[in-house]
Amino acid sequence: MNAKELREAQAAGRRIEGAVPPALGREMEYRPRRKTDALPWIEKGQVHDWARYRSREVRAA
């Protein structure tokens, strides 16, 4: 899924989760730092940059 499809799935109530370690199965939220952010997904509740992921590294559950 691309970023747009993931955001639509999230808006429809689907859970977005990490698909790669160390975030495997952890809930994610779409929170880009800027318009062209390459790492727009962050672990829910996190503020650290190391907890950010690309759209290909997350999935709709």
N, C-alpha and C. Protein backbone atom coordinates (compact mmCIF):
# COMPACT_ATOMS: atom_id res chain seq x y z
N MET A 1 0.85 -1.19 0.00
CA MET A 1 0.00 0.00 0.00
C MET A 1 0.88 1.24 0.00
N ASN A 2 0.43 2.25 -0.71
CA ASN A 2 1.16 3.51 -0.67
C ASN A 2 0.62 4.38 0.47
N ALA A 3 1.24 5.53 0.67
CA ALA A 3 0.88 6.40 1.80
C ALA A 3 -0.59 6.82 1.75
N LYS A 4 -1.09 7.14 0.56
CA LYS A 4 -2.48 7.57 0.43
C LYS A 4 -3.44 6.44 0.83
N GLU A 5 -3.17 5.24 0.35
CA GLU A 5 -4.02 4.10 0.68
C GLU A 5 -3.96 3.79 2.18
N LEU A 6 -2.79 3.93 2.78
CA LEU A 6 -2.66 3.70 4.22
C LEU A 6 -3.45 4.74 5.01
N ARG A 7 -3.39 6.01 4.61
CA ARG A 7 -4.14 7.06 5.29
C ARG A 7 -5.63 6.83 5.15
N GLU A 8 -6.07 6.39 3.97
CA GLU A 8 -7.49 6.09 3.76
C GLU A 8 -7.94 4.92 4.64
N ALA A 9 -7.09 3.90 4.75
CA ALA A 9 -7.41 2.75 5.59
C ALA A 9 -7.50 3.19 7.06
N GLN A 10 -6.59 4.06 7.47
CA GLN A 10 -6.61 4.57 8.84
C GLN A 10 -7.88 5.38 9.09
N ALA A 11 -8.26 6.21 8.13
CA ALA A 11 -9.47 7.02 8.26
C ALA A 11 -10.72 6.14 8.32
N ALA A 12 -10.66 4.98 7.69
CA ALA A 12 -11.79 4.05 7.69
C ALA A 12 -11.82 3.20 8.97
N GLY A 13 -10.86 3.42 9.86
CA GLY A 13 -10.89 2.73 11.13
C GLY A 13 -9.96 1.53 11.24
N ARG A 14 -9.20 1.26 10.19
CA ARG A 14 -8.25 0.14 10.25
C ARG A 14 -7.02 0.55 11.06
N ARG A 15 -6.43 -0.41 11.72
CA ARG A 15 -5.24 -0.17 12.53
C ARG A 15 -4.01 -0.25 11.63
N ILE A 16 -3.14 0.75 11.71
CA ILE A 16 -1.90 0.75 10.95
C ILE A 16 -0.80 0.31 11.92
N GLU A 17 -0.02 -0.68 11.50
CA GLU A 17 1.00 -1.20 12.39
C GLU A 17 2.32 -1.38 11.66
N GLY A 18 3.39 -1.44 12.44
CA GLY A 18 4.71 -1.64 11.88
C GLY A 18 4.84 -3.02 11.25
N ALA A 19 5.56 -3.10 10.13
CA ALA A 19 5.73 -4.36 9.42
C ALA A 19 7.19 -4.84 9.46
N VAL A 20 8.06 -4.07 10.12
CA VAL A 20 9.48 -4.42 10.22
C VAL A 20 9.94 -4.27 11.67
N PRO A 21 10.92 -5.08 12.09
CA PRO A 21 11.47 -4.91 13.43
C PRO A 21 12.19 -3.56 13.53
N PRO A 22 12.19 -2.91 14.62
CA PRO A 22 11.69 -3.31 15.93
C PRO A 22 10.23 -2.91 16.17
N ALA A 23 9.57 -2.39 15.14
CA ALA A 23 8.19 -1.91 15.31
C ALA A 23 7.14 -2.94 14.91
N LEU A 24 7.54 -4.15 14.68
CA LEU A 24 6.63 -5.19 14.21
C LEU A 24 5.41 -5.30 15.11
N GLY A 25 4.23 -5.03 14.53
CA GLY A 25 2.97 -5.13 15.25
C GLY A 25 2.60 -3.94 16.10
N ARG A 26 3.47 -2.96 16.23
CA ARG A 26 3.16 -1.77 17.04
C ARG A 26 2.32 -0.79 16.24
N GLU A 27 1.39 -0.14 16.91
CA GLU A 27 0.48 0.79 16.24
C GLU A 27 1.22 2.05 15.79
N MET A 28 0.91 2.50 14.58
CA MET A 28 1.53 3.67 13.98
C MET A 28 0.50 4.76 13.73
N GLU A 29 0.99 5.98 13.60
CA GLU A 29 0.12 7.08 13.19
C GLU A 29 0.86 7.91 12.15
N TYR A 30 0.08 8.52 11.25
CA TYR A 30 0.63 9.34 10.19
C TYR A 30 0.85 10.74 10.74
N ARG A 31 2.12 11.14 10.84
CA ARG A 31 2.44 12.45 11.38
C ARG A 31 3.72 12.97 10.72
N PRO A 32 3.61 13.40 9.45
CA PRO A 32 4.81 13.89 8.75
C PRO A 32 5.32 15.19 9.37
N ARG A 33 6.64 15.36 9.32
CA ARG A 33 7.28 16.58 9.86
C ARG A 33 7.20 17.73 8.86
N ARG A 34 7.10 17.39 7.59
CA ARG A 34 6.97 18.37 6.51
C ARG A 34 6.24 17.69 5.34
N LYS A 35 5.89 18.46 4.34
CA LYS A 35 5.09 17.94 3.23
C LYS A 35 5.74 16.77 2.50
N THR A 36 7.04 16.79 2.34
CA THR A 36 7.73 15.74 1.59
C THR A 36 8.52 14.80 2.51
N ASP A 37 8.04 14.58 3.70
CA ASP A 37 8.73 13.73 4.67
C ASP A 37 8.81 12.29 4.17
N ALA A 38 10.03 11.74 4.09
CA ALA A 38 10.22 10.36 3.65
C ALA A 38 9.87 9.36 4.74
N LEU A 39 9.77 9.83 5.99
CA LEU A 39 9.46 8.97 7.13
C LEU A 39 8.24 9.53 7.86
N PRO A 40 7.05 9.47 7.24
CA PRO A 40 5.88 10.13 7.83
C PRO A 40 5.17 9.34 8.94
N TRP A 41 5.49 8.07 9.10
CA TRP A 41 4.81 7.23 10.10
C TRP A 41 5.65 7.15 11.35
N ILE A 42 5.01 7.28 12.50
CA ILE A 42 5.70 7.22 13.78
C ILE A 42 4.92 6.31 14.71
N GLU A 43 5.66 5.64 15.58
CA GLU A 43 4.99 4.78 16.56
C GLU A 43 4.07 5.66 17.40
N LYS A 44 2.87 5.19 17.61
CA LYS A 44 1.88 5.96 18.35
C LYS A 44 2.41 6.26 19.76
N GLY A 45 2.36 7.54 20.12
CA GLY A 45 2.82 7.97 21.43
C GLY A 45 4.29 8.33 21.50
N GLN A 46 5.04 8.12 20.44
CA GLN A 46 6.47 8.42 20.43
C GLN A 46 6.75 9.84 19.94
N VAL A 47 7.86 10.39 20.37
CA VAL A 47 8.30 11.71 19.90
C VAL A 47 9.71 11.64 19.33
N HIS A 48 10.37 10.50 19.45
CA HIS A 48 11.76 10.34 19.01
C HIS A 48 11.85 10.05 17.52
N ASP A 49 12.82 10.65 16.85
CA ASP A 49 12.99 10.44 15.42
C ASP A 49 13.35 9.01 15.05
N TRP A 50 13.94 8.24 15.96
CA TRP A 50 14.30 6.87 15.63
C TRP A 50 13.06 5.99 15.51
N ALA A 51 11.91 6.47 15.92
CA ALA A 51 10.67 5.69 15.87
C ALA A 51 9.86 6.00 14.61
N ARG A 52 10.48 6.56 13.57
CA ARG A 52 9.78 6.94 12.35
C ARG A 52 10.02 5.91 11.25
N TYR A 53 9.02 5.75 10.35
CA TYR A 53 9.09 4.71 9.32
C TYR A 53 8.52 5.19 7.99
N ARG A 54 8.97 4.53 6.92
CA ARG A 54 8.45 4.78 5.58
C ARG A 54 7.12 4.05 5.42
N SER A 55 6.36 4.44 4.41
CA SER A 55 5.07 3.80 4.16
C SER A 55 5.23 2.32 3.82
N ARG A 56 6.32 1.95 3.19
CA ARG A 56 6.53 0.53 2.84
C ARG A 56 6.89 -0.30 4.07
N GLU A 57 7.15 0.36 5.20
CA GLU A 57 7.51 -0.34 6.43
C GLU A 57 6.34 -0.49 7.40
N VAL A 58 5.15 -0.08 6.96
CA VAL A 58 3.94 -0.23 7.77
C VAL A 58 2.87 -0.93 6.95
N ARG A 59 1.83 -1.43 7.62
CA ARG A 59 0.75 -2.12 6.92
C ARG A 59 -0.57 -1.87 7.65
N ALA A 60 -1.65 -2.03 6.92
CA ALA A 60 -2.98 -1.93 7.52
C ALA A 60 -3.34 -3.31 8.05
N ALA A 61 -3.73 -3.36 9.32
CA ALA A 61 -4.07 -4.65 9.95
C ALA A 61 -5.54 -4.95 9.79
